[in-house]
Amino acid sequence: MILKKLLTQNRNTAQVIGAAIGAFIGLFLLLFALQTWFDLQKILRGASEGENYVILNKPVSLANTIFGKSVFKPEETKDIGSQSFTKAVANFSANRFKVSASSSAINFYTELFFESVPKEHLDVEDPEFRWREGQTEIPIIMSKDYLALYNFGFAISQGLPQFTPSTIRKVNFDINLRGKGQEKTFTGRIIGFSNRINSILVPESFMSFANDQFGDQPDLGASRILLKVENPYDKKLATYLNEKGYELSTGRLIGGRLGTILNATIAALAIIGILLMLLSTLVFVLNYQLIISKSAADIRLLRQIGYRPTDIARVLRGSLFKLLGSIFIIVIAALFAARIGVVGWLEQQDFAVSKTYDAPVLLIGLVLMSVILVVNILNIKRQVLAN
């Protein structure tokens, strides 16, 4: 106890606190940047999702407005399917008749549209999503984004009730189909919500029946294409889209220039973290050199009365170990607290990442703190022996 008191009485507390804060900020920024980089690579590789889909459409021009619709020709769909980045391709089938939905229970009416895609490409697996001729109820899959638009745009402006995904499933709608001089009303019910496809989807069997029965518009081809790809951030895909003039009608992908900017930002954070940690290590080294230098007379006296240099160094090592250990624990706690917010935000953007940190990130943090500890221990040993 006396030995510890003698050795620490000359410690500059403000200097130690400053070094500890620097080490905390530096290690936090470095490990946070590393984990963010790992997350970004997983997202860019599509590793966070089992399957990767993009939706293609042609841009609409003035010529389309005047002369015809912007659709894909069969040979264009075939060409897309033959590309190396394509795993599967499917056309959207759209209604060629007029369709409206209404509900007297909530005083609701709207004109709308239907689309269908092959069932194997849907991200909603529900045995109810099927239709046979003679069935009066139409199962519907709606985009989650459309529900949000209804709740926070249409419902508020029209004085209509807002719905949760579970409650709107319980509401039945009258679906009115019109075309070829015929009109028929079905019952529509929303049975699921898609994150993958921004549309109002009905079974292919119903779309085929309804277009045959009520379709009074010519079948011009597919206006949109659902494309399953190996990697949605593949440069070959981006180059192909630019060459063909096709557009991606999904806003959830982060790649290309944005990916480069994010990588640069992460690298900048990591560099700042490393610089702060190097500065903190230097301050720790200088601080313990100053302690030993100011305590030189006390150290010589202690050695004369029987204390060994290892005893003196052990006291200083102990205080350093406790300080660095406390910093590491606080950094880990802060990282996990930040992780909760980051994961929550990414989930809102429909990017699924692990709620824990990757093992290499924590291991790198432990190694860095160990390096700082070893550097300072060697410096303490050398300084004590020199006095």
Protein backbone atom coordinates (compact mmCIF):
# COMPACT_ATOMS: atom_id res chain seq x y z
CA MET A 1 0.00 0.00 0.00
CA ILE A 2 2.84 2.38 0.89
CA LEU A 3 4.68 1.38 -2.28
CA LYS A 4 1.63 2.13 -4.40
CA LYS A 5 1.07 5.49 -2.71
CA LEU A 6 4.69 6.55 -3.23
CA LEU A 7 4.64 5.63 -6.92
CA THR A 8 1.29 7.21 -7.80
CA GLN A 9 1.55 10.46 -5.87
CA ASN A 10 3.31 12.10 -8.81
CA ARG A 11 0.77 10.95 -11.38
CA ASN A 12 -0.79 13.66 -13.55
CA THR A 13 -4.50 12.81 -13.20
CA ALA A 14 -5.66 15.13 -15.98
CA GLN A 15 -3.13 13.60 -18.36
CA VAL A 16 -4.27 10.07 -17.49
CA ILE A 17 -7.95 10.99 -17.95
CA GLY A 18 -7.19 12.60 -21.31
CA ALA A 19 -5.29 9.52 -22.48
CA ALA A 20 -8.11 7.24 -21.28
CA ILE A 21 -10.74 9.27 -23.15
CA GLY A 22 -8.58 9.24 -26.28
CA ALA A 23 -8.10 5.48 -26.05
CA PHE A 24 -11.85 4.99 -25.55
CA ILE A 25 -12.87 7.15 -28.52
CA GLY A 26 -10.13 5.72 -30.73
CA LEU A 27 -10.92 2.08 -29.97
CA PHE A 28 -14.68 2.69 -30.26
CA LEU A 29 -14.37 4.40 -33.65
CA LEU A 30 -11.99 1.76 -34.98
CA LEU A 31 -14.10 -1.25 -33.92
CA PHE A 32 -17.36 0.43 -34.95
CA ALA A 33 -15.88 1.19 -38.37
CA LEU A 34 -14.63 -2.37 -38.75
CA GLN A 35 -18.04 -3.87 -37.91
CA THR A 36 -19.77 -1.41 -40.23
CA TRP A 37 -17.38 -2.47 -42.98
CA PHE A 38 -18.19 -6.15 -42.34
CA ASP A 39 -21.92 -5.36 -42.45
CA LEU A 40 -21.55 -3.38 -45.66
CA GLN A 41 -19.65 -6.21 -47.35
CA LYS A 42 -22.37 -8.69 -46.37
CA ILE A 43 -25.06 -6.40 -47.74
CA LEU A 44 -23.12 -5.74 -50.94
CA ARG A 45 -22.58 -9.46 -51.45
CA GLY A 46 -26.22 -10.13 -50.73
CA ALA A 47 -25.08 -12.37 -47.87
CA SER A 48 -27.77 -11.14 -45.53
CA GLU A 49 -30.53 -12.51 -47.77
CA GLY A 50 -30.91 -15.94 -49.27
CA GLU A 51 -32.07 -14.59 -52.65
CA ASN A 52 -31.50 -11.35 -54.51
CA TYR A 53 -34.09 -9.78 -56.76
CA VAL A 54 -34.26 -6.56 -58.72
CA ILE A 55 -37.16 -5.20 -60.78
CA LEU A 56 -36.47 -3.78 -64.22
CA ASN A 57 -38.53 -1.39 -66.28
CA LYS A 58 -37.96 0.77 -69.31
CA PRO A 59 -37.94 4.54 -68.88
CA VAL A 60 -41.10 6.32 -69.99
CA SER A 61 -40.58 8.92 -72.70
CA LEU A 62 -42.82 11.44 -74.47
CA ALA A 63 -43.06 8.99 -77.38
CA ASN A 64 -44.59 6.41 -75.05
CA THR A 65 -47.10 8.96 -73.86
CA ILE A 66 -48.24 9.67 -77.43
CA PHE A 67 -47.70 6.48 -79.40
CA GLY A 68 -47.58 3.48 -77.08
CA LYS A 69 -46.58 1.79 -73.87
CA SER A 70 -43.05 1.16 -72.63
CA VAL A 71 -42.82 -2.65 -72.51
CA PHE A 72 -40.26 -5.42 -72.94
CA LYS A 73 -40.30 -7.42 -76.16
CA PRO A 74 -39.90 -11.22 -75.92
CA GLU A 75 -36.40 -11.05 -77.44
CA GLU A 76 -35.37 -8.46 -74.82
CA THR A 77 -36.58 -10.68 -71.99
CA LYS A 78 -34.67 -13.59 -73.54
CA ASP A 79 -31.50 -11.49 -73.76
CA ILE A 80 -31.79 -10.49 -70.10
CA GLY A 81 -32.21 -14.14 -69.13
CA SER A 82 -29.06 -15.14 -71.03
CA GLN A 83 -26.75 -12.79 -69.11
CA SER A 84 -24.13 -14.24 -66.74
CA PHE A 85 -25.48 -12.31 -63.74
CA THR A 86 -29.03 -13.68 -64.20
CA LYS A 87 -30.21 -16.67 -62.18
CA ALA A 88 -33.89 -16.43 -63.16
CA VAL A 89 -36.19 -14.01 -64.94
CA ALA A 90 -39.96 -13.61 -64.78
CA ASN A 91 -42.42 -11.25 -66.45
CA PHE A 92 -45.01 -9.30 -64.54
CA SER A 93 -48.51 -9.93 -65.83
CA ALA A 94 -50.80 -6.91 -65.48
CA ASN A 95 -54.57 -6.58 -65.60
CA ARG A 96 -56.00 -5.59 -69.00
CA PHE A 97 -59.37 -4.64 -67.54
CA LYS A 98 -60.65 -2.02 -65.13
CA VAL A 99 -60.65 -2.95 -61.47
CA SER A 100 -61.79 -1.13 -58.34
CA ALA A 101 -61.96 -1.93 -54.64
CA SER A 102 -64.50 -0.72 -52.11
CA SER A 103 -65.66 -1.39 -48.59
CA SER A 104 -68.90 -0.06 -47.15
CA ALA A 105 -67.66 -0.87 -43.62
CA ILE A 106 -64.96 1.80 -43.77
CA ASN A 107 -66.53 3.98 -46.53
CA PHE A 108 -63.61 3.26 -48.86
CA TYR A 109 -63.39 3.22 -52.67
CA THR A 110 -60.46 3.33 -55.10
CA GLU A 111 -59.51 2.38 -58.63
CA LEU A 112 -56.45 0.11 -58.57
CA PHE A 113 -54.40 -2.37 -60.55
CA PHE A 114 -53.33 -5.99 -60.20
CA GLU A 115 -50.14 -7.77 -61.16
CA SER A 116 -49.00 -11.36 -60.90
CA VAL A 117 -45.65 -13.18 -60.96
CA PRO A 118 -44.79 -16.88 -60.74
CA LYS A 119 -45.37 -18.07 -57.19
CA GLU A 120 -41.80 -19.36 -56.73
CA HIS A 121 -40.48 -15.80 -56.84
CA LEU A 122 -42.65 -14.47 -54.02
CA ASP A 123 -41.27 -13.81 -50.54
CA VAL A 124 -44.65 -14.64 -48.96
CA GLU A 125 -45.33 -18.33 -48.53
CA ASP A 126 -49.01 -18.79 -47.77
CA PRO A 127 -51.13 -21.79 -48.83
CA GLU A 128 -54.11 -19.42 -49.16
CA PHE A 129 -52.48 -17.65 -52.09
CA ARG A 130 -54.19 -19.71 -54.79
CA TRP A 131 -57.33 -19.36 -56.89
CA ARG A 132 -59.52 -21.74 -58.86
CA GLU A 133 -62.25 -20.83 -61.34
CA GLY A 134 -65.55 -20.50 -59.52
CA GLN A 135 -63.90 -19.19 -56.35
CA THR A 136 -65.43 -15.88 -55.27
CA GLU A 137 -62.64 -14.74 -52.94
CA ILE A 138 -59.40 -13.32 -54.36
CA PRO A 139 -56.31 -13.64 -52.12
CA ILE A 140 -54.10 -10.54 -52.40
CA ILE A 141 -50.49 -9.86 -51.47
CA MET A 142 -49.69 -6.19 -50.98
CA SER A 143 -46.37 -4.39 -50.71
CA LYS A 144 -45.53 -3.25 -47.18
CA ASP A 145 -44.67 0.13 -48.65
CA TYR A 146 -48.20 0.45 -50.06
CA LEU A 147 -49.69 -0.14 -46.62
CA ALA A 148 -47.43 2.60 -45.22
CA LEU A 149 -48.51 4.97 -48.02
CA TYR A 150 -52.15 4.24 -47.24
CA ASN A 151 -51.75 4.71 -43.47
CA PHE A 152 -49.65 7.88 -43.54
CA GLY A 153 -50.87 9.49 -46.74
CA PHE A 154 -54.23 8.39 -48.07
CA ALA A 155 -55.93 7.49 -44.77
CA ILE A 156 -54.98 10.73 -43.04
CA SER A 157 -56.02 12.95 -45.96
CA GLN A 158 -59.35 11.13 -46.52
CA GLY A 159 -60.33 10.63 -42.89
CA LEU A 160 -60.10 6.84 -43.19
CA PRO A 161 -58.98 4.44 -40.45
CA GLN A 162 -55.37 3.30 -40.29
CA PHE A 163 -54.58 -0.40 -40.22
CA THR A 164 -51.88 -2.64 -38.83
CA PRO A 165 -50.83 -5.60 -41.01
CA SER A 166 -52.83 -7.94 -38.77
CA THR A 167 -56.06 -5.90 -38.71
CA ILE A 168 -56.24 -5.21 -42.44
CA ARG A 169 -56.14 -8.96 -43.07
CA LYS A 170 -59.55 -9.12 -41.40
CA VAL A 171 -61.13 -6.57 -43.75
CA ASN A 172 -62.94 -7.87 -46.84
CA PHE A 173 -63.12 -5.69 -49.94
CA ASP A 174 -65.52 -5.77 -52.87
CA ILE A 175 -63.37 -6.15 -55.97
CA ASN A 176 -65.23 -5.02 -59.07
CA LEU A 177 -63.95 -6.14 -62.50
CA ARG A 178 -65.18 -4.45 -65.72
CA GLY A 179 -64.40 -5.07 -69.36
CA LYS A 180 -65.74 -6.51 -72.63
CA GLY A 181 -69.17 -5.19 -71.66
CA GLN A 182 -69.18 -7.39 -68.55
CA GLU A 183 -68.95 -6.64 -64.85
CA LYS A 184 -68.47 -8.94 -61.89
CA THR A 185 -67.78 -8.44 -58.18
CA PHE A 186 -65.49 -10.66 -56.14
CA THR A 187 -64.46 -10.56 -52.50
CA GLY A 188 -60.85 -9.54 -51.97
CA ARG A 189 -58.78 -10.25 -48.86
CA ILE A 190 -55.17 -9.30 -48.11
CA ILE A 191 -53.34 -12.41 -46.91
CA GLY A 192 -49.75 -11.18 -46.77
CA PHE A 193 -47.26 -8.35 -47.30
CA SER A 194 -44.21 -8.38 -49.56
CA ASN A 195 -40.88 -6.71 -48.89
CA ARG A 196 -39.55 -7.78 -52.28
CA ILE A 197 -42.15 -6.53 -54.74
CA ASN A 198 -43.84 -3.13 -54.75
CA SER A 199 -47.19 -4.11 -56.22
CA ILE A 200 -50.66 -5.52 -55.56
CA LEU A 201 -50.34 -9.19 -56.43
CA VAL A 202 -52.99 -11.80 -57.24
CA PRO A 203 -52.48 -15.47 -58.17
CA GLU A 204 -51.46 -16.14 -61.78
CA SER A 205 -54.49 -18.38 -62.26
CA PHE A 206 -56.84 -15.53 -61.39
CA MET A 207 -54.98 -13.04 -63.59
CA SER A 208 -55.14 -15.41 -66.55
CA PHE A 209 -58.87 -16.02 -66.04
CA ALA A 210 -59.72 -12.35 -65.52
CA ASN A 211 -57.74 -11.15 -68.54
CA ASP A 212 -59.44 -13.77 -70.74
CA GLN A 213 -62.89 -12.95 -69.35
CA PHE A 214 -62.72 -9.15 -68.99
CA GLY A 215 -59.56 -8.01 -70.77
CA ASP A 216 -60.46 -5.36 -73.35
CA GLN A 217 -56.94 -4.02 -73.80
CA PRO A 218 -54.36 -5.65 -76.11
CA ASP A 219 -51.54 -7.70 -74.56
CA LEU A 220 -48.54 -5.50 -75.38
CA GLY A 221 -46.02 -7.47 -73.30
CA ALA A 222 -44.43 -7.15 -69.89
CA SER A 223 -44.01 -3.63 -68.54
CA ARG A 224 -41.80 -4.89 -65.72
CA ILE A 225 -39.41 -7.80 -65.25
CA LEU A 226 -38.50 -9.53 -62.00
CA LEU A 227 -34.84 -10.51 -62.15
CA LYS A 228 -33.15 -12.93 -59.74
CA VAL A 229 -29.41 -12.29 -59.68
CA GLU A 230 -26.33 -13.72 -58.01
CA ASN A 231 -25.18 -10.31 -56.86
CA PRO A 232 -27.36 -7.18 -57.25
CA TYR A 233 -24.22 -5.01 -57.02
CA ASP A 234 -22.38 -6.77 -59.84
CA LYS A 235 -20.65 -4.24 -62.09
CA LYS A 236 -21.68 -6.32 -65.11
CA LEU A 237 -25.32 -5.79 -64.17
CA ALA A 238 -24.82 -2.03 -63.77
CA THR A 239 -22.99 -1.83 -67.10
CA TYR A 240 -25.71 -3.86 -68.86
CA LEU A 241 -28.49 -1.64 -67.49
CA ASN A 242 -26.65 1.50 -68.60
CA GLU A 243 -26.07 0.09 -72.09
CA LYS A 244 -29.70 -0.96 -72.52
CA GLY A 245 -31.18 2.08 -70.82
CA TYR A 246 -33.17 -0.01 -68.34
CA GLU A 247 -34.09 1.25 -64.90
CA LEU A 248 -34.14 -0.44 -61.51
CA SER A 249 -37.50 0.25 -59.91
CA THR A 250 -36.28 -0.69 -56.44
CA GLY A 251 -34.82 1.85 -54.04
CA ARG A 252 -33.33 -0.52 -51.47
CA LEU A 253 -30.03 -1.34 -53.10
CA ILE A 254 -26.84 0.39 -52.08
CA GLY A 255 -24.06 -0.12 -54.53
CA GLY A 256 -21.86 1.61 -57.06
CA ARG A 257 -20.96 5.16 -56.12
CA LEU A 258 -22.84 5.04 -52.80
CA GLY A 259 -20.94 1.89 -51.81
CA THR A 260 -17.66 3.65 -52.62
CA ILE A 261 -18.63 6.68 -50.52
CA LEU A 262 -19.60 4.46 -47.58
CA ASN A 263 -16.32 2.54 -47.80
CA ALA A 264 -14.39 5.82 -47.87
CA THR A 265 -16.31 7.11 -44.83
CA ILE A 266 -15.66 3.88 -42.92
CA ALA A 267 -11.96 4.04 -43.81
CA ALA A 268 -11.79 7.64 -42.55
CA LEU A 269 -13.38 6.63 -39.22
CA ALA A 270 -10.92 3.75 -38.86
CA ILE A 271 -7.93 6.01 -39.58
CA ILE A 272 -9.12 8.56 -37.02
CA GLY A 273 -9.56 5.75 -34.49
CA ILE A 274 -6.05 4.42 -35.13
CA LEU A 275 -4.51 7.89 -34.82
CA LEU A 276 -6.32 8.50 -31.52
CA MET A 277 -5.14 5.16 -30.17
CA LEU A 278 -1.53 5.85 -31.19
CA LEU A 279 -1.72 9.26 -29.51
CA SER A 280 -3.21 7.70 -26.38
CA THR A 281 -0.47 5.05 -26.27
CA LEU A 282 2.17 7.79 -26.52
CA VAL A 283 0.50 9.74 -23.69
CA PHE A 284 0.41 6.62 -21.49
CA VAL A 285 4.11 6.00 -22.18
CA LEU A 286 5.04 9.60 -21.39
CA ASN A 287 2.84 9.62 -18.29
CA TYR A 288 4.52 6.55 -16.77
CA GLN A 289 7.93 7.85 -17.73
CA LEU A 290 7.09 11.06 -15.88
CA ILE A 291 5.84 9.13 -12.83
CA ILE A 292 9.04 7.08 -12.67
CA SER A 293 11.23 10.13 -13.31
CA LYS A 294 9.59 12.15 -10.52
CA SER A 295 9.74 9.13 -8.23
CA ALA A 296 13.41 8.34 -9.01
CA ALA A 297 14.62 9.20 -5.50
CA ASP A 298 11.82 7.16 -3.93
CA ILE A 299 12.58 4.21 -6.21
CA ARG A 300 16.28 4.26 -5.24
CA LEU A 301 15.33 4.39 -1.58
CA LEU A 302 12.88 1.51 -1.98
CA ARG A 303 15.55 -0.59 -3.70
CA GLN A 304 18.00 0.18 -0.88
CA ILE A 305 15.60 -1.09 1.78
CA GLY A 306 14.98 -4.38 -0.07
CA TYR A 307 12.33 -3.83 -2.75
CA ARG A 308 13.20 -5.43 -6.07
CA PRO A 309 12.68 -3.64 -9.41
CA THR A 310 10.06 -6.29 -10.29
CA ASP A 311 8.05 -5.34 -7.16
CA ILE A 312 8.08 -1.69 -8.18
CA ALA A 313 7.19 -2.46 -11.79
CA ARG A 314 4.38 -4.79 -10.68
CA VAL A 315 2.57 -1.96 -8.86
CA LEU A 316 2.70 0.26 -11.93
CA ARG A 317 1.67 -2.63 -14.18
CA GLY A 318 -1.31 -3.35 -11.95
CA SER A 319 -2.64 0.19 -12.14
CA LEU A 320 -2.11 0.24 -15.91
CA PHE A 321 -3.87 -3.13 -16.35
CA LYS A 322 -6.89 -1.96 -14.35
CA LEU A 323 -7.10 1.27 -16.34
CA LEU A 324 -6.84 -0.36 -19.78
CA GLY A 325 -9.17 -3.19 -18.72
CA SER A 326 -11.80 -0.68 -17.62
CA ILE A 327 -11.47 1.21 -20.92
CA PHE A 328 -11.91 -2.03 -22.91
CA ILE A 329 -15.02 -3.06 -20.95
CA ILE A 330 -16.61 0.39 -21.36
CA VAL A 331 -15.83 0.35 -25.11
CA ILE A 332 -17.49 -3.06 -25.53
CA ALA A 333 -20.57 -1.88 -23.60
CA ALA A 334 -20.78 1.27 -25.76
CA LEU A 335 -20.37 -0.77 -28.94
CA PHE A 336 -23.23 -3.11 -28.05
CA ALA A 337 -25.44 -0.15 -27.13
CA ALA A 338 -24.67 1.45 -30.51
CA ARG A 339 -25.29 -1.90 -32.20
CA ILE A 340 -28.90 -1.95 -31.02
CA GLY A 341 -29.58 1.36 -32.76
CA VAL A 342 -27.71 0.41 -35.94
CA VAL A 343 -29.45 -2.97 -36.30
CA GLY A 344 -32.85 -1.36 -35.66
CA TRP A 345 -32.23 1.24 -38.36
CA LEU A 346 -30.99 -1.36 -40.87
CA GLU A 347 -34.03 -3.55 -40.20
CA GLN A 348 -36.28 -0.58 -40.99
CA GLN A 349 -34.50 -0.42 -44.35
CA ASP A 350 -35.03 -4.20 -44.78
CA PHE A 351 -31.35 -5.04 -44.42
CA ALA A 352 -30.97 -7.99 -42.07
CA VAL A 353 -27.68 -8.15 -40.16
CA SER A 354 -26.55 -9.99 -37.08
CA LYS A 355 -27.35 -8.36 -33.74
CA THR A 356 -23.91 -9.33 -32.41
CA TYR A 357 -20.44 -8.25 -33.41
CA ASP A 358 -18.30 -10.42 -35.64
CA ALA A 359 -15.64 -12.31 -33.67
CA PRO A 360 -12.71 -10.75 -35.62
CA VAL A 361 -13.83 -7.26 -34.55
CA LEU A 362 -13.76 -8.10 -30.83
CA LEU A 363 -10.52 -10.02 -31.28
CA ILE A 364 -8.87 -7.04 -32.98
CA GLY A 365 -9.98 -4.82 -30.06
CA LEU A 366 -8.48 -7.25 -27.55
CA VAL A 367 -5.23 -7.49 -29.52
CA LEU A 368 -4.89 -3.70 -29.76
CA MET A 369 -5.42 -3.20 -26.03
CA SER A 370 -2.91 -6.00 -25.38
CA VAL A 371 -0.36 -4.26 -27.61
CA ILE A 372 -0.84 -0.98 -25.72
CA LEU A 373 -0.45 -2.87 -22.43
CA VAL A 374 2.73 -4.69 -23.54
CA VAL A 375 4.32 -1.50 -24.92
CA ASN A 376 3.73 0.31 -21.64
CA ILE A 377 4.85 -2.66 -19.50
CA LEU A 378 8.16 -2.87 -21.40
CA ASN A 379 8.59 0.89 -21.01
CA ILE A 380 7.87 0.70 -17.26
CA LYS A 381 10.37 -2.14 -16.81
CA ARG A 382 13.06 -0.27 -18.70
CA GLN A 383 12.49 2.97 -16.79
CA VAL A 384 12.50 1.27 -13.37
CA LEU A 385 15.74 -0.54 -14.12
CA ALA A 386 17.28 2.73 -15.34
CA ASN A 387 16.58 4.33 -11.97
